[in-house]
């Protein structure tokens, strides 16, 4: 059986690039790190590291094991926290990753309410794109991911998705025009690959292919380009509430929104700290007048592409 302590050493070497740096990060003596690596290689029966000059490099087998080790360590730490909650031995912890506009609009009131109700709870908030947040969730390095999708489907995996809100899309421009078609001949500003795909599909559904000349995922940059008269763009309502530049006209686009989900991993019941954060987040969203209507399912949860379950 693989030793978790030795897996931590391997992950540290992978992250820091040398035995010396890994030893410093782990507060170990350098010979101790070398010993753990030697024993781990003996346990696995494969070469995990190779000497390169005065340093070391992970072999392909070592890199594969290091990636798995990150997931294993994350799950072990989550189990330790859950057991600690049950035994009352340590302060509860919940680790949350959310996309930027949700983190700026909903997370602060949720965090404030959580602190008031549970002052000893250790809340960790991190800004992350949904793709990254879901990777962290599956690896066990976070407990909750707040993510969005532009369609009604969710991946068919072990993640549970609770639909919590619809975030309406807006058209940002300097001149009149309330629909995408009104700006069919304009120069467009587009965002990341996934968001651009949905934007391009929306334009094609409106009967044209957009002329994209500028690319930026930063709402400040894209709105600055609009304010300077260099183009038009679209943005979700949450992002618009995070930043609205002077001189930029915003018009809600009918029938186009992104769906926002709370994503968790594994079967219920959830750990107490995770449930407490989700309750606080739902409260913040309930009292938020700026969100779009929910889909009528009352925030139903889904695992896979068709399943709905009730959570909480």
C-alpha atoms as a PDB file:
ATOM      1  CA  UNK A   1       0.000   0.000   0.000  1.00  0.00           C
ATOM      2  CA  UNK A   2       1.288   3.462  -0.889  1.00  0.00           C
ATOM      3  CA  UNK A   3       2.319   5.687   2.002  1.00  0.00           C
ATOM      4  CA  UNK A   4       0.529   9.067   2.017  1.00  0.00           C
ATOM      5  CA  UNK A   5       3.519  10.827   3.585  1.00  0.00           C
ATOM      6  CA  UNK A   6       5.734   9.649   0.732  1.00  0.00           C
ATOM      7  CA  UNK A   7       3.136  10.743  -1.789  1.00  0.00           C
ATOM      8  CA  UNK A   8       3.269  14.220  -0.234  1.00  0.00           C
ATOM      9  CA  UNK A   9       7.027  14.223  -0.783  1.00  0.00           C
ATOM     10  CA  UNK A  10       6.595  13.251  -4.440  1.00  0.00           C
ATOM     11  CA  UNK A  11       4.028  16.017  -4.956  1.00  0.00           C
ATOM     12  CA  UNK A  12       6.378  18.544  -3.333  1.00  0.00           C
ATOM     13  CA  UNK A  13       9.234  17.514  -5.642  1.00  0.00           C
ATOM     14  CA  UNK A  14       6.892  17.820  -8.636  1.00  0.00           C
ATOM     15  CA  UNK A  15       5.728  21.274  -7.530  1.00  0.00           C
ATOM     16  CA  UNK A  16       9.112  22.717  -6.550  1.00  0.00           C
ATOM     17  CA  UNK A  17      11.378  21.005  -9.044  1.00  0.00           C
ATOM     18  CA  UNK A  18      14.127  19.789  -6.734  1.00  0.00           C
ATOM     19  CA  UNK A  19      14.756  17.737  -3.618  1.00  0.00           C
ATOM     20  CA  UNK A  20      16.244  20.765  -1.844  1.00  0.00           C
ATOM     21  CA  UNK A  21      13.239  22.992  -2.557  1.00  0.00           C
ATOM     22  CA  UNK A  22      10.808  20.207  -1.621  1.00  0.00           C
ATOM     23  CA  UNK A  23      12.635  19.647   1.669  1.00  0.00           C
ATOM     24  CA  UNK A  24      12.405  23.366   2.466  1.00  0.00           C
ATOM     25  CA  UNK A  25       8.676  23.488   1.624  1.00  0.00           C
ATOM     26  CA  UNK A  26       7.953  20.426   3.769  1.00  0.00           C
ATOM     27  CA  UNK A  27      10.314  21.512   6.566  1.00  0.00           C
ATOM     28  CA  UNK A  28      12.184  18.216   6.143  1.00  0.00           C
ATOM     29  CA  UNK A  29      15.882  17.489   6.088  1.00  0.00           C
ATOM     30  CA  UNK A  30      17.070  16.851   2.521  1.00  0.00           C
ATOM     31  CA  UNK A  31      18.215  13.269   3.268  1.00  0.00           C
ATOM     32  CA  UNK A  32      14.719  12.540   4.606  1.00  0.00           C
ATOM     33  CA  UNK A  33      13.139  13.592   1.311  1.00  0.00           C
ATOM     34  CA  UNK A  34      15.597  11.439  -0.625  1.00  0.00           C
ATOM     35  CA  UNK A  35      14.839   8.504   1.684  1.00  0.00           C
ATOM     36  CA  UNK A  36      11.072   8.861   1.160  1.00  0.00           C
ATOM     37  CA  UNK A  37      11.537   8.951  -2.611  1.00  0.00           C
ATOM     38  CA  UNK A  38      13.733   5.848  -2.538  1.00  0.00           C
ATOM     39  CA  UNK A  39      11.193   3.962  -0.424  1.00  0.00           C
ATOM     40  CA  UNK A  40       8.324   5.093  -2.661  1.00  0.00           C
ATOM     41  CA  UNK A  41      10.145   3.794  -5.723  1.00  0.00           C
ATOM     42  CA  UNK A  42      10.665   0.487  -3.944  1.00  0.00           C
ATOM     43  CA  UNK A  43       6.945   0.312  -3.048  1.00  0.00           C
ATOM     44  CA  UNK A  44       5.811   1.016  -6.600  1.00  0.00           C
ATOM     45  CA  UNK A  45       8.487  -1.040  -8.337  1.00  0.00           C
ATOM     46  CA  UNK A  46       9.064   1.668 -10.973  1.00  0.00           C
ATOM     47  CA  UNK A  47      11.522   4.526 -11.371  1.00  0.00           C
ATOM     48  CA  UNK A  48       9.799   7.764 -10.355  1.00  0.00           C
ATOM     49  CA  UNK A  49      12.675  10.250 -10.596  1.00  0.00           C
ATOM     50  CA  UNK A  50      15.823  10.575 -12.644  1.00  0.00           C
ATOM     51  CA  UNK A  51      18.954  12.608 -12.035  1.00  0.00           C
ATOM     52  CA  UNK A  52      19.464  15.620 -14.284  1.00  0.00           C
ATOM     53  CA  UNK A  53      22.733  17.412 -13.586  1.00  0.00           C
ATOM     54  CA  UNK A  54      22.640  18.363  -9.912  1.00  0.00           C
ATOM     55  CA  UNK A  55      18.865  18.097  -9.734  1.00  0.00           C
ATOM     56  CA  UNK A  56      16.115  15.580 -10.381  1.00  0.00           C
ATOM     57  CA  UNK A  57      13.239  15.236 -12.816  1.00  0.00           C
ATOM     58  CA  UNK A  58      10.132  13.093 -12.565  1.00  0.00           C
ATOM     59  CA  UNK A  59       9.836  10.263 -15.045  1.00  0.00           C
ATOM     60  CA  UNK A  60       6.533   9.846 -16.937  1.00  0.00           C
ATOM     61  CA  UNK A  61       5.569   7.269 -14.294  1.00  0.00           C
ATOM     62  CA  UNK A  62       6.498   9.723 -11.557  1.00  0.00           C
ATOM     63  CA  UNK A  63       4.431  12.486 -13.167  1.00  0.00           C
ATOM     64  CA  UNK A  64       1.427  10.159 -13.463  1.00  0.00           C
ATOM     65  CA  UNK A  65       1.696   9.136  -9.815  1.00  0.00           C
ATOM     66  CA  UNK A  66       2.163  12.775  -8.706  1.00  0.00           C
ATOM     67  CA  UNK A  67      -1.064  13.765 -10.462  1.00  0.00           C
ATOM     68  CA  UNK A  68      -2.941  10.974  -8.723  1.00  0.00           C
ATOM     69  CA  UNK A  69      -1.234  11.816  -5.442  1.00  0.00           C
ATOM     70  CA  UNK A  70      -2.710  15.334  -5.514  1.00  0.00           C
ATOM     71  CA  UNK A  71      -6.194  13.800  -5.715  1.00  0.00           C
ATOM     72  CA  UNK A  72      -5.447  11.230  -3.004  1.00  0.00           C
ATOM     73  CA  UNK A  73      -4.051  13.840  -0.599  1.00  0.00           C
ATOM     74  CA  UNK A  74      -7.036  16.121  -1.238  1.00  0.00           C
ATOM     75  CA  UNK A  75      -9.466  13.312  -0.376  1.00  0.00           C
ATOM     76  CA  UNK A  76      -7.501  12.381   2.749  1.00  0.00           C
ATOM     77  CA  UNK A  77      -7.542  15.990   3.948  1.00  0.00           C
ATOM     78  CA  UNK A  78     -11.290  16.240   3.281  1.00  0.00           C
ATOM     79  CA  UNK A  79     -11.871  13.053   5.271  1.00  0.00           C
ATOM     80  CA  UNK A  80      -9.791  14.415   8.147  1.00  0.00           C
ATOM     81  CA  UNK A  81     -11.871  17.604   8.232  1.00  0.00           C
ATOM     82  CA  UNK A  82     -15.166  15.655   8.123  1.00  0.00           C
ATOM     83  CA  UNK A  83     -14.046  13.383  10.952  1.00  0.00           C
ATOM     84  CA  UNK A  84     -12.870  16.406  12.888  1.00  0.00           C
ATOM     85  CA  UNK A  85     -16.307  17.974  12.532  1.00  0.00           C
ATOM     86  CA  UNK A  86     -18.020  14.835  13.748  1.00  0.00           C
ATOM     87  CA  UNK A  87     -15.667  14.482  16.696  1.00  0.00           C
ATOM     88  CA  UNK A  88     -15.598  18.186  17.472  1.00  0.00           C
ATOM     89  CA  UNK A  89     -11.807  18.083  17.464  1.00  0.00           C
ATOM     90  CA  UNK A  90     -11.029  21.000  15.175  1.00  0.00           C
ATOM     91  CA  UNK A  91     -12.490  24.071  13.506  1.00  0.00           C
ATOM     92  CA  UNK A  92     -14.659  23.242  10.491  1.00  0.00           C
ATOM     93  CA  UNK A  93     -13.412  24.226   7.049  1.00  0.00           C
ATOM     94  CA  UNK A  94     -14.997  24.737   3.650  1.00  0.00           C
ATOM     95  CA  UNK A  95     -13.022  25.495   0.502  1.00  0.00           C
ATOM     96  CA  UNK A  96     -14.893  27.244  -2.317  1.00  0.00           C
ATOM     97  CA  UNK A  97     -13.877  28.168  -5.863  1.00  0.00           C
ATOM     98  CA  UNK A  98     -16.108  30.466  -7.911  1.00  0.00           C
ATOM     99  CA  UNK A  99     -15.978  32.440 -11.130  1.00  0.00           C
ATOM    100  CA  UNK A 100     -15.043  36.077 -10.668  1.00  0.00           C
ATOM    101  CA  UNK A 101     -18.414  37.834 -10.841  1.00  0.00           C
ATOM    102  CA  UNK A 102     -20.111  35.345  -8.489  1.00  0.00           C
ATOM    103  CA  UNK A 103     -17.180  35.813  -6.135  1.00  0.00           C
ATOM    104  CA  UNK A 104     -17.635  39.594  -6.171  1.00  0.00           C
ATOM    105  CA  UNK A 105     -21.458  39.783  -6.034  1.00  0.00           C
ATOM    106  CA  UNK A 106     -22.708  36.761  -4.062  1.00  0.00           C
ATOM    107  CA  UNK A 107     -19.752  35.492  -2.060  1.00  0.00           C
ATOM    108  CA  UNK A 108     -19.281  38.584   0.189  1.00  0.00           C
ATOM    109  CA  UNK A 109     -22.824  38.608   1.657  1.00  0.00           C
ATOM    110  CA  UNK A 110     -22.756  34.806   1.919  1.00  0.00           C
ATOM    111  CA  UNK A 111     -19.400  34.917   3.718  1.00  0.00           C
ATOM    112  CA  UNK A 112     -20.614  37.663   6.062  1.00  0.00           C
ATOM    113  CA  UNK A 113     -23.751  35.687   6.953  1.00  0.00           C
ATOM    114  CA  UNK A 114     -21.669  32.552   7.464  1.00  0.00           C
ATOM    115  CA  UNK A 115     -19.279  34.355   9.806  1.00  0.00           C
ATOM    116  CA  UNK A 116     -22.175  35.712  11.835  1.00  0.00           C
ATOM    117  CA  UNK A 117     -23.801  32.272  12.227  1.00  0.00           C
ATOM    118  CA  UNK A 118     -20.617  30.194  12.484  1.00  0.00           C
ATOM    119  CA  UNK A 119     -17.747  32.442  13.642  1.00  0.00           C
ATOM    120  CA  UNK A 120     -15.334  29.507  14.031  1.00  0.00           C
ATOM    121  CA  UNK A 121     -15.834  28.151  10.525  1.00  0.00           C
ATOM    122  CA  UNK A 122     -12.755  28.453   8.306  1.00  0.00           C
ATOM    123  CA  UNK A 123     -13.935  29.656   4.867  1.00  0.00           C
ATOM    124  CA  UNK A 124     -11.458  29.621   1.946  1.00  0.00           C
ATOM    125  CA  UNK A 125     -12.538  31.483  -1.220  1.00  0.00           C
ATOM    126  CA  UNK A 126     -10.658  31.247  -4.527  1.00  0.00           C
ATOM    127  CA  UNK A 127     -11.265  32.871  -7.913  1.00  0.00           C
ATOM    128  CA  UNK A 128     -11.325  30.187 -10.636  1.00  0.00           C
ATOM    129  CA  UNK A 129     -12.850  29.622 -14.064  1.00  0.00           C
ATOM    130  CA  UNK A 130     -15.473  26.830 -13.996  1.00  0.00           C
ATOM    131  CA  UNK A 131     -13.197  24.434 -15.896  1.00  0.00           C
ATOM    132  CA  UNK A 132     -10.445  24.837 -13.314  1.00  0.00           C
ATOM    133  CA  UNK A 133     -12.852  24.829 -10.366  1.00  0.00           C
ATOM    134  CA  UNK A 134     -14.342  21.502 -11.472  1.00  0.00           C
ATOM    135  CA  UNK A 135     -10.854  19.999 -11.845  1.00  0.00           C
ATOM    136  CA  UNK A 136     -10.075  21.059  -8.276  1.00  0.00           C
ATOM    137  CA  UNK A 137     -13.408  19.675  -7.062  1.00  0.00           C
ATOM    138  CA  UNK A 138     -12.752  16.265  -8.616  1.00  0.00           C
ATOM    139  CA  UNK A 139      -9.212  16.284  -7.190  1.00  0.00           C
ATOM    140  CA  UNK A 140     -10.536  17.004  -3.694  1.00  0.00           C
ATOM    141  CA  UNK A 141      -8.693  20.308  -3.236  1.00  0.00           C
ATOM    142  CA  UNK A 142     -11.973  22.239  -2.848  1.00  0.00           C
ATOM    143  CA  UNK A 143     -15.380  21.325  -1.416  1.00  0.00           C
ATOM    144  CA  UNK A 144     -17.716  23.534  -3.472  1.00  0.00           C
ATOM    145  CA  UNK A 145     -17.474  24.972  -6.988  1.00  0.00           C
ATOM    146  CA  UNK A 146     -19.747  27.751  -8.233  1.00  0.00           C
ATOM    147  CA  UNK A 147     -19.851  27.351 -12.006  1.00  0.00           C
ATOM    148  CA  UNK A 148     -21.862  28.402 -15.035  1.00  0.00           C
ATOM    149  CA  UNK A 149     -22.945  26.827 -18.312  1.00  0.00           C
ATOM    150  CA  UNK A 150     -24.642  28.344 -21.333  1.00  0.00           C
ATOM    151  CA  UNK A 151     -26.822  25.323 -22.085  1.00  0.00           C
ATOM    152  CA  UNK A 152     -29.181  23.122 -20.082  1.00  0.00           C
ATOM    153  CA  UNK A 153     -26.928  20.066 -19.867  1.00  0.00           C
ATOM    154  CA  UNK A 154     -24.325  19.110 -17.279  1.00  0.00           C
ATOM    155  CA  UNK A 155     -21.443  16.621 -17.618  1.00  0.00           C
ATOM    156  CA  UNK A 156     -22.192  12.970 -16.911  1.00  0.00           C
ATOM    157  CA  UNK A 157     -19.804  12.326 -14.019  1.00  0.00           C
ATOM    158  CA  UNK A 158     -19.672  12.072 -10.217  1.00  0.00           C
ATOM    159  CA  UNK A 159     -20.247  15.790  -9.675  1.00  0.00           C
ATOM    160  CA  UNK A 160     -23.691  16.934  -8.503  1.00  0.00           C
ATOM    161  CA  UNK A 161     -24.936  20.202  -9.992  1.00  0.00           C
ATOM    162  CA  UNK A 162     -27.618  22.292  -8.239  1.00  0.00           C
ATOM    163  CA  UNK A 163     -29.081  24.992 -10.493  1.00  0.00           C
ATOM    164  CA  UNK A 164     -29.343  28.134  -8.382  1.00  0.00           C
ATOM    165  CA  UNK A 165     -29.943  31.021 -10.791  1.00  0.00           C
ATOM    166  CA  UNK A 166     -30.063  32.281 -14.347  1.00  0.00           C
ATOM    167  CA  UNK A 167     -27.695  35.141 -15.178  1.00  0.00           C
ATOM    168  CA  UNK A 168     -29.083  37.199 -18.101  1.00  0.00           C
ATOM    169  CA  UNK A 169     -26.753  38.273 -20.901  1.00  0.00           C
ATOM    170  CA  UNK A 170     -26.442  41.944 -21.887  1.00  0.00           C
ATOM    171  CA  UNK A 171     -25.413  43.789 -25.023  1.00  0.00           C
ATOM    172  CA  UNK A 172     -22.839  46.548 -24.413  1.00  0.00           C
ATOM    173  CA  UNK A 173     -22.475  49.309 -26.984  1.00  0.00           C
ATOM    174  CA  UNK A 174     -22.149  53.049 -27.528  1.00  0.00           C
ATOM    175  CA  UNK A 175     -24.775  53.469 -30.216  1.00  0.00           C
ATOM    176  CA  UNK A 176     -28.478  52.549 -30.394  1.00  0.00           C
ATOM    177  CA  UNK A 177     -29.494  48.977 -30.991  1.00  0.00           C
ATOM    178  CA  UNK A 178     -31.071  46.528 -28.580  1.00  0.00           C
ATOM    179  CA  UNK A 179     -30.467  43.200 -30.336  1.00  0.00           C
ATOM    180  CA  UNK A 180     -27.486  41.305 -31.685  1.00  0.00           C
ATOM    181  CA  UNK A 181     -28.834  41.767 -35.213  1.00  0.00           C
ATOM    182  CA  UNK A 182     -28.828  45.550 -34.777  1.00  0.00           C
ATOM    183  CA  UNK A 183     -25.030  45.316 -34.557  1.00  0.00           C
ATOM    184  CA  UNK A 184     -24.431  42.626 -37.161  1.00  0.00           C
ATOM    185  CA  UNK A 185     -21.970  44.856 -39.070  1.00  0.00           C
ATOM    186  CA  UNK A 186     -20.129  46.069 -35.967  1.00  0.00           C
ATOM    187  CA  UNK A 187     -16.662  45.168 -34.739  1.00  0.00           C
ATOM    188  CA  UNK A 188     -17.022  42.718 -31.849  1.00  0.00           C
ATOM    189  CA  UNK A 189     -15.087  42.069 -28.646  1.00  0.00           C
ATOM    190  CA  UNK A 190     -15.166  38.424 -27.528  1.00  0.00           C
ATOM    191  CA  UNK A 191     -13.955  36.462 -24.532  1.00  0.00           C
ATOM    192  CA  UNK A 192     -12.521  33.003 -23.834  1.00  0.00           C
ATOM    193  CA  UNK A 193     -12.868  30.022 -26.160  1.00  0.00           C
ATOM    194  CA  UNK A 194     -15.904  28.496 -24.407  1.00  0.00           C
ATOM    195  CA  UNK A 195     -17.714  31.802 -23.933  1.00  0.00           C
ATOM    196  CA  UNK A 196     -16.862  32.797 -27.501  1.00  0.00           C
ATOM    197  CA  UNK A 197     -18.381  29.575 -28.814  1.00  0.00           C
ATOM    198  CA  UNK A 198     -21.712  30.363 -27.186  1.00  0.00           C
ATOM    199  CA  UNK A 199     -21.508  33.995 -28.305  1.00  0.00           C
ATOM    200  CA  UNK A 200     -20.823  32.978 -31.918  1.00  0.00           C
ATOM    201  CA  UNK A 201     -23.686  30.475 -31.803  1.00  0.00           C
ATOM    202  CA  UNK A 202     -26.034  33.192 -30.527  1.00  0.00           C
ATOM    203  CA  UNK A 203     -24.983  35.493 -33.384  1.00  0.00           C
ATOM    204  CA  UNK A 204     -25.431  32.727 -35.966  1.00  0.00           C
ATOM    205  CA  UNK A 205     -28.901  32.042 -34.566  1.00  0.00           C
ATOM    206  CA  UNK A 206     -29.588  35.758 -35.131  1.00  0.00           C
ATOM    207  CA  UNK A 207     -28.528  35.380 -38.774  1.00  0.00           C
ATOM    208  CA  UNK A 208     -24.925  36.597 -38.968  1.00  0.00           C
ATOM    209  CA  UNK A 209     -21.307  35.741 -38.178  1.00  0.00           C
ATOM    210  CA  UNK A 210     -19.640  38.336 -35.909  1.00  0.00           C
ATOM    211  CA  UNK A 211     -16.497  40.179 -36.981  1.00  0.00           C
ATOM    212  CA  UNK A 212     -14.300  39.627 -33.904  1.00  0.00           C
ATOM    213  CA  UNK A 213     -11.307  41.960 -33.749  1.00  0.00           C
ATOM    214  CA  UNK A 214     -10.589  42.060 -30.017  1.00  0.00           C
ATOM    215  CA  UNK A 215     -10.275  39.322 -27.411  1.00  0.00           C
ATOM    216  CA  UNK A 216     -10.321  39.772 -23.641  1.00  0.00           C
ATOM    217  CA  UNK A 217     -11.711  37.902 -20.646  1.00  0.00           C
ATOM    218  CA  UNK A 218     -11.317  41.030 -18.500  1.00  0.00           C
ATOM    219  CA  UNK A 219     -14.577  42.974 -18.117  1.00  0.00           C
ATOM    220  CA  UNK A 220     -12.668  46.194 -17.464  1.00  0.00           C
ATOM    221  CA  UNK A 221     -10.688  45.848 -20.693  1.00  0.00           C
ATOM    222  CA  UNK A 222     -13.680  44.864 -22.836  1.00  0.00           C
ATOM    223  CA  UNK A 223     -15.799  47.722 -21.504  1.00  0.00           C
ATOM    224  CA  UNK A 224     -12.928  50.168 -22.007  1.00  0.00           C
ATOM    225  CA  UNK A 225     -12.834  49.125 -25.666  1.00  0.00           C
ATOM    226  CA  UNK A 226     -16.589  49.681 -25.936  1.00  0.00           C
ATOM    227  CA  UNK A 227     -16.341  53.057 -24.191  1.00  0.00           C
ATOM    228  CA  UNK A 228     -13.638  54.089 -26.663  1.00  0.00           C
ATOM    229  CA  UNK A 229     -15.965  53.294 -29.561  1.00  0.00           C
ATOM    230  CA  UNK A 230     -13.843  50.396 -30.817  1.00  0.00           C
ATOM    231  CA  UNK A 231     -16.527  47.744 -30.763  1.00  0.00           C
ATOM    232  CA  UNK A 232     -19.496  46.107 -29.065  1.00  0.00           C
ATOM    233  CA  UNK A 233     -19.650  43.072 -26.806  1.00  0.00           C
ATOM    234  CA  UNK A 234     -21.869  40.949 -24.602  1.00  0.00           C
ATOM    235  CA  UNK A 235     -21.510  40.285 -20.896  1.00  0.00           C
ATOM    236  CA  UNK A 236     -23.464  38.477 -18.158  1.00  0.00           C
ATOM    237  CA  UNK A 237     -25.475  40.496 -15.667  1.00  0.00           C
ATOM    238  CA  UNK A 238     -23.284  39.533 -12.703  1.00  0.00           C
ATOM    239  CA  UNK A 239     -20.185  40.776 -14.505  1.00  0.00           C
ATOM    240  CA  UNK A 240     -21.960  44.008 -15.414  1.00  0.00           C
ATOM    241  CA  UNK A 241     -22.807  44.587 -11.763  1.00  0.00           C
ATOM    242  CA  UNK A 242     -19.171  44.060 -10.865  1.00  0.00           C
ATOM    243  CA  UNK A 243     -18.105  46.804 -13.300  1.00  0.00           C
ATOM    244  CA  UNK A 244     -20.062  49.204 -15.536  1.00  0.00           C
ATOM    245  CA  UNK A 245     -17.926  51.755 -17.364  1.00  0.00           C
ATOM    246  CA  UNK A 246     -19.153  55.295 -17.978  1.00  0.00           C
ATOM    247  CA  UNK A 247     -20.560  55.761 -21.465  1.00  0.00           C
ATOM    248  CA  UNK A 248     -21.372  52.101 -22.035  1.00  0.00           C
ATOM    249  CA  UNK A 249     -25.021  51.304 -22.757  1.00  0.00           C
ATOM    250  CA  UNK A 250     -26.241  47.945 -21.453  1.00  0.00           C
ATOM    251  CA  UNK A 251     -29.344  46.196 -22.809  1.00  0.00           C
ATOM    252  CA  UNK A 252     -30.625  42.818 -21.585  1.00  0.00           C
ATOM    253  CA  UNK A 253     -30.829  40.279 -24.410  1.00  0.00           C
ATOM    254  CA  UNK A 254     -34.097  38.383 -24.416  1.00  0.00           C
ATOM    255  CA  UNK A 255     -33.882  34.593 -24.302  1.00  0.00           C
ATOM    256  CA  UNK A 256     -30.138  34.346 -23.652  1.00  0.00           C
ATOM    257  CA  UNK A 257     -28.677  33.658 -20.228  1.00  0.00           C
ATOM    258  CA  UNK A 258     -26.126  31.466 -18.542  1.00  0.00           C
ATOM    259  CA  UNK A 259     -27.143  28.962 -15.887  1.00  0.00           C
ATOM    260  CA  UNK A 260     -25.336  29.076 -12.537  1.00  0.00           C
ATOM    261  CA  UNK A 261     -24.791  25.929 -10.471  1.00  0.00           C
ATOM    262  CA  UNK A 262     -23.440  24.874  -7.101  1.00  0.00           C
ATOM    263  CA  UNK A 263     -21.257  21.830  -7.789  1.00  0.00           C
ATOM    264  CA  UNK A 264     -20.295  19.291  -5.119  1.00  0.00           C
ATOM    265  CA  UNK A 265     -18.599  15.894  -5.288  1.00  0.00           C
ATOM    266  CA  UNK A 266     -19.816  12.611  -3.887  1.00  0.00           C
ATOM    267  CA  UNK A 267     -23.030  11.353  -2.368  1.00  0.00           C
ATOM    268  CA  UNK A 268     -25.020  13.214   0.314  1.00  0.00           C
ATOM    269  CA  UNK A 269     -25.091  13.989   3.137  1.00  0.00           C
ATOM    270  CA  UNK A 270     -22.612  16.814   2.690  1.00  0.00           C
ATOM    271  CA  UNK A 271     -20.196  17.796   5.468  1.00  0.00           C
ATOM    272  CA  UNK A 272     -21.713  20.287   7.920  1.00  0.00           C
ATOM    273  CA  UNK A 273     -19.385  23.121   6.890  1.00  0.00           C
ATOM    274  CA  UNK A 274     -20.201  22.644   3.202  1.00  0.00           C
ATOM    275  CA  UNK A 275     -23.933  22.626   3.895  1.00  0.00           C
ATOM    276  CA  UNK A 276     -23.606  25.763   6.019  1.00  0.00           C
ATOM    277  CA  UNK A 277     -21.881  27.638   3.187  1.00  0.00           C
ATOM    278  CA  UNK A 278     -24.436  26.498   0.606  1.00  0.00           C
ATOM    279  CA  UNK A 279     -27.259  27.653   2.890  1.00  0.00           C
ATOM    280  CA  UNK A 280     -25.605  31.065   3.259  1.00  0.00           C
ATOM    281  CA  UNK A 281     -25.056  31.315  -0.500  1.00  0.00           C
ATOM    282  CA  UNK A 282     -28.670  30.454  -1.243  1.00  0.00           C
ATOM    283  CA  UNK A 283     -29.720  33.145   1.213  1.00  0.00           C
ATOM    284  CA  UNK A 284     -27.531  35.719  -0.536  1.00  0.00           C
ATOM    285  CA  UNK A 285     -29.013  34.785  -3.917  1.00  0.00           C
ATOM    286  CA  UNK A 286     -32.590  34.806  -2.593  1.00  0.00           C
ATOM    287  CA  UNK A 287     -32.123  38.390  -1.423  1.00  0.00           C
ATOM    288  CA  UNK A 288     -30.457  39.443  -4.684  1.00  0.00           C
ATOM    289  CA  UNK A 289     -32.928  41.293  -6.894  1.00  0.00           C
ATOM    290  CA  UNK A 290     -30.548  41.414  -9.851  1.00  0.00           C
ATOM    291  CA  UNK A 291     -30.600  37.743 -10.868  1.00  0.00           C
ATOM    292  CA  UNK A 292     -32.712  36.184 -13.566  1.00  0.00           C
ATOM    293  CA  UNK A 293     -35.613  33.829 -12.832  1.00  0.00           C
ATOM    294  CA  UNK A 294     -34.918  30.259 -11.884  1.00  0.00           C
ATOM    295  CA  UNK A 295     -36.122  27.504 -14.142  1.00  0.00           C
ATOM    296  CA  UNK A 296     -39.132  26.480 -12.081  1.00  0.00           C
ATOM    297  CA  UNK A 297     -37.517  23.369 -10.611  1.00  0.00           C
ATOM    298  CA  UNK A 298     -36.668  25.083  -7.360  1.00  0.00           C
ATOM    299  CA  UNK A 299     -32.916  24.693  -7.799  1.00  0.00           C
ATOM    300  CA  UNK A 300     -33.100  20.984  -8.562  1.00  0.00           C
ATOM    301  CA  UNK A 301     -29.895  18.986  -8.504  1.00  0.00           C
ATOM    302  CA  UNK A 302     -28.654  16.900 -11.356  1.00  0.00           C
ATOM    303  CA  UNK A 303     -26.016  14.252 -11.810  1.00  0.00           C
ATOM    304  CA  UNK A 304     -25.462  13.515 -15.445  1.00  0.00           C
ATOM    305  CA  UNK A 305     -27.507  14.862 -18.301  1.00  0.00           C
ATOM    306  CA  UNK A 306     -31.024  14.087 -17.244  1.00  0.00           C
ATOM    307  CA  UNK A 307     -31.145  13.306 -13.578  1.00  0.00           C
ATOM    308  CA  UNK A 308     -32.755  15.620 -11.056  1.00  0.00           C
ATOM    309  CA  UNK A 309     -32.480  15.093  -7.326  1.00  0.00           C
ATOM    310  CA  UNK A 310     -33.441  17.197  -4.395  1.00  0.00           C
ATOM    311  CA  UNK A 311     -30.632  18.398  -2.195  1.00  0.00           C
ATOM    312  CA  UNK A 312     -30.748  20.067   1.218  1.00  0.00           C
END
